[in-house]
Amino acid sequence: MRSLLERLEPATYARARLQLGIGGVGTFVVILSAALAIGLPRAMFAEKGGSPIEDAGLLAVWLAGLALLAFPFEVLGGLTLPRAFGRAHPVPGAWFVGWLRGVLATLLVMVTSGTLIVAAGRAGVAIA
């Protein structure tokens, strides 16, 4: 009979990636649910915003925080696991530059979209 550790240890690269993904999603669900339960977004952003520039800044802060929360999972999935399983992987500096470029591009799209949605909501415009 195999030990509990052997049964939990991923046997393949695919299973390791799957377990990392499940752990990442679970972590986000628990942390963000707790943040909502204690009213963190409302406390952080109450009585703030109003102009599109302020709204964009607040959205950028929130989304950058989410990117930082995801960073350990990104490192594990992009550097640690490929190296551990003998897969091709970039050098850490190149990986970080690529990760940062992706985060900045995502932030730009999400902040722009979010700011337009908030502005439309304030103006009473239905987005269909």
N, C-alpha and C. Protein backbone atom coordinates (compact mmCIF):
# COMPACT_ATOMS: atom_id res chain seq x y z
N MET A 1 0.85 -1.18 0.00
CA MET A 1 0.00 0.00 0.00
C MET A 1 0.89 1.24 0.00
N ARG A 2 0.55 2.18 -0.87
CA ARG A 2 1.34 3.41 -0.97
C ARG A 2 1.02 4.34 0.18
N SER A 3 2.01 5.13 0.56
CA SER A 3 1.78 6.09 1.65
C SER A 3 0.91 7.24 1.15
N LEU A 4 0.37 7.98 2.08
CA LEU A 4 -0.48 9.12 1.73
C LEU A 4 0.29 10.13 0.91
N LEU A 5 1.55 10.39 1.26
CA LEU A 5 2.36 11.35 0.52
C LEU A 5 2.55 10.91 -0.92
N GLU A 6 2.79 9.62 -1.13
CA GLU A 6 2.96 9.12 -2.50
C GLU A 6 1.68 9.28 -3.31
N ARG A 7 0.53 9.08 -2.67
CA ARG A 7 -0.74 9.23 -3.38
C ARG A 7 -1.03 10.68 -3.71
N LEU A 8 -0.57 11.61 -2.87
CA LEU A 8 -0.83 13.02 -3.11
C LEU A 8 0.18 13.64 -4.06
N GLU A 9 1.35 13.06 -4.14
CA GLU A 9 2.40 13.62 -4.99
C GLU A 9 2.04 13.44 -6.46
N PRO A 10 2.13 14.50 -7.23
CA PRO A 10 1.79 14.38 -8.65
C PRO A 10 2.79 13.48 -9.38
N ALA A 11 2.27 12.61 -10.22
CA ALA A 11 3.12 11.68 -10.94
C ALA A 11 3.60 12.25 -12.26
N THR A 12 2.85 13.20 -12.81
CA THR A 12 3.20 13.75 -14.12
C THR A 12 3.19 15.27 -14.08
N TYR A 13 3.80 15.83 -15.10
CA TYR A 13 3.81 17.28 -15.24
C TYR A 13 2.38 17.81 -15.37
N ALA A 14 1.56 17.13 -16.14
CA ALA A 14 0.17 17.58 -16.33
C ALA A 14 -0.60 17.58 -15.01
N ARG A 15 -0.41 16.54 -14.21
CA ARG A 15 -1.11 16.48 -12.93
C ARG A 15 -0.60 17.57 -11.99
N ALA A 16 0.70 17.83 -12.02
CA ALA A 16 1.26 18.90 -11.19
C ALA A 16 0.68 20.25 -11.59
N ARG A 17 0.57 20.50 -12.90
CA ARG A 17 -0.03 21.76 -13.37
C ARG A 17 -1.49 21.85 -12.95
N LEU A 18 -2.20 20.75 -13.06
CA LEU A 18 -3.61 20.72 -12.67
C LEU A 18 -3.76 21.03 -11.18
N GLN A 19 -2.95 20.40 -10.35
CA GLN A 19 -3.03 20.64 -8.91
C GLN A 19 -2.65 22.07 -8.56
N LEU A 20 -1.66 22.61 -9.25
CA LEU A 20 -1.29 24.01 -9.03
C LEU A 20 -2.43 24.94 -9.42
N GLY A 21 -3.08 24.67 -10.54
CA GLY A 21 -4.21 25.49 -10.97
C GLY A 21 -5.37 25.43 -10.00
N ILE A 22 -5.67 24.24 -9.52
CA ILE A 22 -6.74 24.08 -8.53
C ILE A 22 -6.40 24.84 -7.26
N GLY A 23 -5.16 24.72 -6.83
CA GLY A 23 -4.72 25.44 -5.63
C GLY A 23 -4.78 26.95 -5.81
N GLY A 24 -4.40 27.42 -6.99
CA GLY A 24 -4.45 28.86 -7.26
C GLY A 24 -5.87 29.39 -7.26
N VAL A 25 -6.75 28.71 -7.95
CA VAL A 25 -8.15 29.14 -7.99
C VAL A 25 -8.75 29.08 -6.59
N GLY A 26 -8.49 28.01 -5.88
CA GLY A 26 -9.02 27.88 -4.52
C GLY A 26 -8.52 28.99 -3.62
N THR A 27 -7.25 29.33 -3.74
CA THR A 27 -6.68 30.42 -2.95
C THR A 27 -7.38 31.73 -3.25
N PHE A 28 -7.58 32.03 -4.53
CA PHE A 28 -8.27 33.26 -4.91
C PHE A 28 -9.70 33.27 -4.38
N VAL A 29 -10.40 32.17 -4.50
CA VAL A 29 -11.79 32.11 -4.04
C VAL A 29 -11.86 32.38 -2.53
N VAL A 30 -11.01 31.74 -1.77
CA VAL A 30 -11.03 31.90 -0.32
C VAL A 30 -10.64 33.33 0.08
N ILE A 31 -9.55 33.84 -0.46
CA ILE A 31 -9.07 35.18 -0.08
C ILE A 31 -10.06 36.26 -0.51
N LEU A 32 -10.56 36.17 -1.73
CA LEU A 32 -11.48 37.22 -2.20
C LEU A 32 -12.85 37.10 -1.55
N SER A 33 -13.28 35.90 -1.22
CA SER A 33 -14.53 35.75 -0.47
C SER A 33 -14.41 36.37 0.92
N ALA A 34 -13.27 36.14 1.56
CA ALA A 34 -13.04 36.74 2.87
C ALA A 34 -12.98 38.26 2.76
N ALA A 35 -12.34 38.77 1.71
CA ALA A 35 -12.27 40.22 1.51
C ALA A 35 -13.66 40.82 1.34
N LEU A 36 -14.50 40.13 0.57
CA LEU A 36 -15.88 40.61 0.39
C LEU A 36 -16.66 40.51 1.69
N ALA A 37 -16.46 39.43 2.43
CA ALA A 37 -17.20 39.23 3.68
C ALA A 37 -16.90 40.31 4.70
N ILE A 38 -15.65 40.76 4.75
CA ILE A 38 -15.30 41.81 5.71
C ILE A 38 -15.46 43.21 5.12
N GLY A 39 -15.91 43.30 3.88
CA GLY A 39 -16.17 44.60 3.27
C GLY A 39 -14.92 45.35 2.85
N LEU A 40 -13.87 44.63 2.52
CA LEU A 40 -12.61 45.28 2.15
C LEU A 40 -12.73 46.20 0.93
N PRO A 41 -13.35 45.77 -0.17
CA PRO A 41 -13.45 46.68 -1.32
C PRO A 41 -14.19 47.98 -0.97
N ARG A 42 -15.27 47.87 -0.23
CA ARG A 42 -16.03 49.06 0.15
C ARG A 42 -15.20 49.96 1.06
N ALA A 43 -14.47 49.35 2.00
CA ALA A 43 -13.65 50.14 2.91
C ALA A 43 -12.51 50.83 2.17
N MET A 44 -11.92 50.13 1.20
CA MET A 44 -10.79 50.71 0.47
C MET A 44 -11.23 51.83 -0.47
N PHE A 45 -12.40 51.66 -1.07
CA PHE A 45 -12.78 52.56 -2.15
C PHE A 45 -14.02 53.41 -1.86
N ALA A 46 -14.50 53.38 -0.63
CA ALA A 46 -15.67 54.19 -0.29
C ALA A 46 -15.34 55.67 -0.44
N GLU A 47 -16.28 56.40 -0.94
CA GLU A 47 -16.14 57.85 -1.10
C GLU A 47 -14.93 58.23 -1.96
N LYS A 48 -14.53 57.33 -2.82
CA LYS A 48 -13.42 57.62 -3.74
C LYS A 48 -13.93 57.44 -5.14
N GLY A 49 -13.20 57.95 -6.06
CA GLY A 49 -13.58 57.82 -7.46
C GLY A 49 -14.54 58.90 -7.85
N GLY A 50 -15.12 58.75 -8.99
CA GLY A 50 -16.06 59.73 -9.49
C GLY A 50 -15.66 60.22 -10.86
N SER A 51 -14.40 60.62 -10.97
CA SER A 51 -13.92 61.01 -12.29
C SER A 51 -13.30 59.77 -12.94
N PRO A 52 -13.29 59.72 -14.27
CA PRO A 52 -12.70 58.55 -14.93
C PRO A 52 -11.23 58.32 -14.55
N ILE A 53 -10.49 59.39 -14.32
CA ILE A 53 -9.08 59.23 -13.94
C ILE A 53 -8.98 58.57 -12.56
N GLU A 54 -9.78 59.02 -11.62
CA GLU A 54 -9.77 58.41 -10.28
C GLU A 54 -10.24 56.96 -10.34
N ASP A 55 -11.30 56.70 -11.11
CA ASP A 55 -11.80 55.34 -11.25
C ASP A 55 -10.73 54.43 -11.85
N ALA A 56 -10.04 54.90 -12.87
CA ALA A 56 -8.98 54.11 -13.51
C ALA A 56 -7.87 53.81 -12.52
N GLY A 57 -7.49 54.79 -11.70
CA GLY A 57 -6.45 54.58 -10.71
C GLY A 57 -6.86 53.55 -9.66
N LEU A 58 -8.10 53.64 -9.20
CA LEU A 58 -8.58 52.68 -8.20
C LEU A 58 -8.66 51.27 -8.78
N LEU A 59 -9.14 51.15 -10.02
CA LEU A 59 -9.18 49.84 -10.66
C LEU A 59 -7.76 49.29 -10.85
N ALA A 60 -6.83 50.14 -11.22
CA ALA A 60 -5.45 49.70 -11.41
C ALA A 60 -4.85 49.19 -10.10
N VAL A 61 -5.13 49.87 -9.00
CA VAL A 61 -4.62 49.43 -7.70
C VAL A 61 -5.20 48.05 -7.36
N TRP A 62 -6.49 47.88 -7.53
CA TRP A 62 -7.13 46.61 -7.21
C TRP A 62 -6.59 45.49 -8.09
N LEU A 63 -6.50 45.73 -9.38
CA LEU A 63 -6.03 44.69 -10.31
C LEU A 63 -4.55 44.39 -10.12
N ALA A 64 -3.76 45.39 -9.80
CA ALA A 64 -2.34 45.14 -9.51
C ALA A 64 -2.19 44.29 -8.26
N GLY A 65 -3.05 44.51 -7.28
CA GLY A 65 -3.05 43.67 -6.09
C GLY A 65 -3.37 42.22 -6.42
N LEU A 66 -4.31 42.02 -7.33
CA LEU A 66 -4.64 40.65 -7.75
C LEU A 66 -3.47 40.02 -8.49
N ALA A 67 -2.77 40.81 -9.30
CA ALA A 67 -1.59 40.29 -10.01
C ALA A 67 -0.50 39.88 -9.02
N LEU A 68 -0.32 40.67 -7.98
CA LEU A 68 0.67 40.32 -6.95
C LEU A 68 0.27 39.06 -6.19
N LEU A 69 -1.02 38.91 -5.96
CA LEU A 69 -1.52 37.72 -5.29
C LEU A 69 -1.28 36.48 -6.16
N ALA A 70 -1.38 36.63 -7.46
CA ALA A 70 -1.18 35.51 -8.38
C ALA A 70 0.30 35.21 -8.63
N PHE A 71 1.18 36.14 -8.30
CA PHE A 71 2.60 36.01 -8.64
C PHE A 71 3.22 34.69 -8.17
N PRO A 72 3.02 34.25 -6.92
CA PRO A 72 3.65 32.98 -6.52
C PRO A 72 3.19 31.79 -7.38
N PHE A 73 1.93 31.77 -7.77
CA PHE A 73 1.42 30.70 -8.62
C PHE A 73 2.01 30.80 -10.02
N GLU A 74 2.22 32.02 -10.48
CA GLU A 74 2.84 32.23 -11.79
C GLU A 74 4.27 31.72 -11.79
N VAL A 75 5.00 32.00 -10.72
CA VAL A 75 6.39 31.54 -10.62
C VAL A 75 6.43 30.01 -10.58
N LEU A 76 5.56 29.43 -9.79
CA LEU A 76 5.53 27.97 -9.70
C LEU A 76 5.20 27.33 -11.06
N GLY A 77 4.19 27.87 -11.73
CA GLY A 77 3.77 27.29 -13.01
C GLY A 77 4.67 27.62 -14.17
N GLY A 78 5.34 28.76 -14.12
CA GLY A 78 6.16 29.18 -15.24
C GLY A 78 7.63 28.84 -15.12
N LEU A 79 8.12 28.68 -13.89
CA LEU A 79 9.54 28.40 -13.69
C LEU A 79 9.80 27.11 -12.94
N THR A 80 9.20 26.98 -11.77
CA THR A 80 9.54 25.88 -10.87
C THR A 80 9.11 24.52 -11.42
N LEU A 81 7.85 24.39 -11.81
CA LEU A 81 7.38 23.09 -12.30
C LEU A 81 8.08 22.65 -13.59
N PRO A 82 8.22 23.52 -14.59
CA PRO A 82 8.94 23.06 -15.78
C PRO A 82 10.36 22.60 -15.46
N ARG A 83 11.04 23.32 -14.59
CA ARG A 83 12.40 22.93 -14.21
C ARG A 83 12.38 21.59 -13.47
N ALA A 84 11.44 21.41 -12.56
CA ALA A 84 11.38 20.18 -11.77
C ALA A 84 11.09 18.95 -12.63
N PHE A 85 10.36 19.13 -13.72
CA PHE A 85 10.00 18.01 -14.58
C PHE A 85 10.87 17.94 -15.84
N GLY A 86 11.95 18.71 -15.87
CA GLY A 86 12.88 18.65 -17.00
C GLY A 86 12.34 19.24 -18.28
N ARG A 87 11.39 20.14 -18.16
CA ARG A 87 10.82 20.80 -19.33
C ARG A 87 11.62 22.05 -19.66
N ALA A 88 11.46 22.53 -20.88
CA ALA A 88 12.11 23.78 -21.27
C ALA A 88 11.52 24.92 -20.44
N HIS A 89 12.38 25.79 -19.98
CA HIS A 89 11.93 26.93 -19.19
C HIS A 89 12.88 28.11 -19.42
N PRO A 90 12.34 29.32 -19.36
CA PRO A 90 13.21 30.48 -19.58
C PRO A 90 14.06 30.76 -18.35
N VAL A 91 15.06 31.60 -18.55
CA VAL A 91 15.83 32.06 -17.40
C VAL A 91 14.93 32.99 -16.60
N PRO A 92 15.12 33.08 -15.27
CA PRO A 92 14.21 33.87 -14.44
C PRO A 92 14.05 35.33 -14.90
N GLY A 93 15.12 35.98 -15.31
CA GLY A 93 15.00 37.38 -15.74
C GLY A 93 14.12 37.54 -16.96
N ALA A 94 14.31 36.67 -17.94
CA ALA A 94 13.48 36.73 -19.15
C ALA A 94 12.03 36.39 -18.83
N TRP A 95 11.85 35.42 -17.95
CA TRP A 95 10.49 35.06 -17.56
C TRP A 95 9.80 36.24 -16.89
N PHE A 96 10.50 36.91 -15.98
CA PHE A 96 9.91 38.03 -15.25
C PHE A 96 9.54 39.17 -16.20
N VAL A 97 10.40 39.47 -17.17
CA VAL A 97 10.09 40.53 -18.14
C VAL A 97 8.83 40.16 -18.92
N GLY A 98 8.73 38.91 -19.35
CA GLY A 98 7.53 38.47 -20.07
C GLY A 98 6.28 38.53 -19.20
N TRP A 99 6.43 38.10 -17.95
CA TRP A 99 5.30 38.15 -17.03
C TRP A 99 4.86 39.59 -16.81
N LEU A 100 5.80 40.49 -16.58
CA LEU A 100 5.48 41.89 -16.34
C LEU A 100 4.81 42.52 -17.56
N ARG A 101 5.31 42.20 -18.75
CA ARG A 101 4.69 42.71 -19.98
C ARG A 101 3.25 42.23 -20.09
N GLY A 102 3.01 40.97 -19.79
CA GLY A 102 1.65 40.42 -19.82
C GLY A 102 0.74 41.07 -18.80
N VAL A 103 1.25 41.29 -17.59
CA VAL A 103 0.46 41.94 -16.54
C VAL A 103 0.11 43.36 -16.96
N LEU A 104 1.07 44.10 -17.49
CA LEU A 104 0.81 45.48 -17.89
C LEU A 104 -0.20 45.55 -19.03
N ALA A 105 -0.09 44.65 -20.00
CA ALA A 105 -1.06 44.63 -21.10
C ALA A 105 -2.47 44.29 -20.59
N THR A 106 -2.53 43.32 -19.70
CA THR A 106 -3.82 42.94 -19.12
C THR A 106 -4.40 44.08 -18.30
N LEU A 107 -3.56 44.73 -17.50
CA LEU A 107 -4.02 45.88 -16.71
C LEU A 107 -4.57 46.98 -17.61
N LEU A 108 -3.88 47.26 -18.70
CA LEU A 108 -4.33 48.31 -19.62
C LEU A 108 -5.71 47.99 -20.16
N VAL A 109 -5.92 46.76 -20.62
CA VAL A 109 -7.22 46.37 -21.18
C VAL A 109 -8.29 46.39 -20.10
N MET A 110 -7.99 45.81 -18.94
CA MET A 110 -9.01 45.70 -17.89
C MET A 110 -9.34 47.06 -17.27
N VAL A 111 -8.35 47.90 -17.08
CA VAL A 111 -8.61 49.23 -16.51
C VAL A 111 -9.41 50.07 -17.50
N THR A 112 -9.04 50.01 -18.77
CA THR A 112 -9.80 50.76 -19.78
C THR A 112 -11.24 50.28 -19.84
N SER A 113 -11.42 48.97 -19.91
CA SER A 113 -12.78 48.41 -19.97
C SER A 113 -13.56 48.74 -18.70
N GLY A 114 -12.95 48.53 -17.55
CA GLY A 114 -13.63 48.80 -16.28
C GLY A 114 -14.01 50.25 -16.13
N THR A 115 -13.11 51.15 -16.52
CA THR A 115 -13.41 52.58 -16.42
C THR A 115 -14.58 52.96 -17.33
N LEU A 116 -14.61 52.41 -18.54
CA LEU A 116 -15.73 52.69 -19.44
C LEU A 116 -17.04 52.12 -18.91
N ILE A 117 -16.98 50.95 -18.31
CA ILE A 117 -18.20 50.35 -17.75
C ILE A 117 -18.71 51.17 -16.57
N VAL A 118 -17.79 51.60 -15.69
CA VAL A 118 -18.20 52.43 -14.55
C VAL A 118 -18.76 53.75 -15.02
N ALA A 119 -18.12 54.38 -16.01
CA ALA A 119 -18.61 55.65 -16.54
C ALA A 119 -19.98 55.49 -17.17
N ALA A 120 -20.18 54.39 -17.92
CA ALA A 120 -21.48 54.15 -18.52
C ALA A 120 -22.54 53.90 -17.45
N GLY A 121 -22.18 53.17 -16.41
CA GLY A 121 -23.12 52.93 -15.32
C GLY A 121 -23.52 54.21 -14.62
N ARG A 122 -22.55 55.09 -14.41
CA ARG A 122 -22.86 56.37 -13.77
C ARG A 122 -23.74 57.24 -14.66
N ALA A 123 -23.54 57.11 -15.97
CA ALA A 123 -24.33 57.93 -16.90
C ALA A 123 -25.70 57.31 -17.16
N GLY A 124 -25.92 56.09 -16.66
CA GLY A 124 -27.20 55.43 -16.86
C GLY A 124 -27.37 54.84 -18.23
N VAL A 125 -26.25 54.51 -18.87
CA VAL A 125 -26.29 53.95 -20.21
C VAL A 125 -26.31 52.44 -20.12
N ALA A 126 -27.23 51.82 -20.82
CA ALA A 126 -27.30 50.35 -20.85
C ALA A 126 -26.29 49.84 -21.85
N ILE A 127 -25.48 48.89 -21.40
CA ILE A 127 -24.51 48.26 -22.31
C ILE A 127 -25.06 46.90 -22.66
N ALA A 128 -25.31 46.71 -23.95
CA ALA A 128 -25.89 45.44 -24.38
C ALA A 128 -24.97 44.70 -25.27
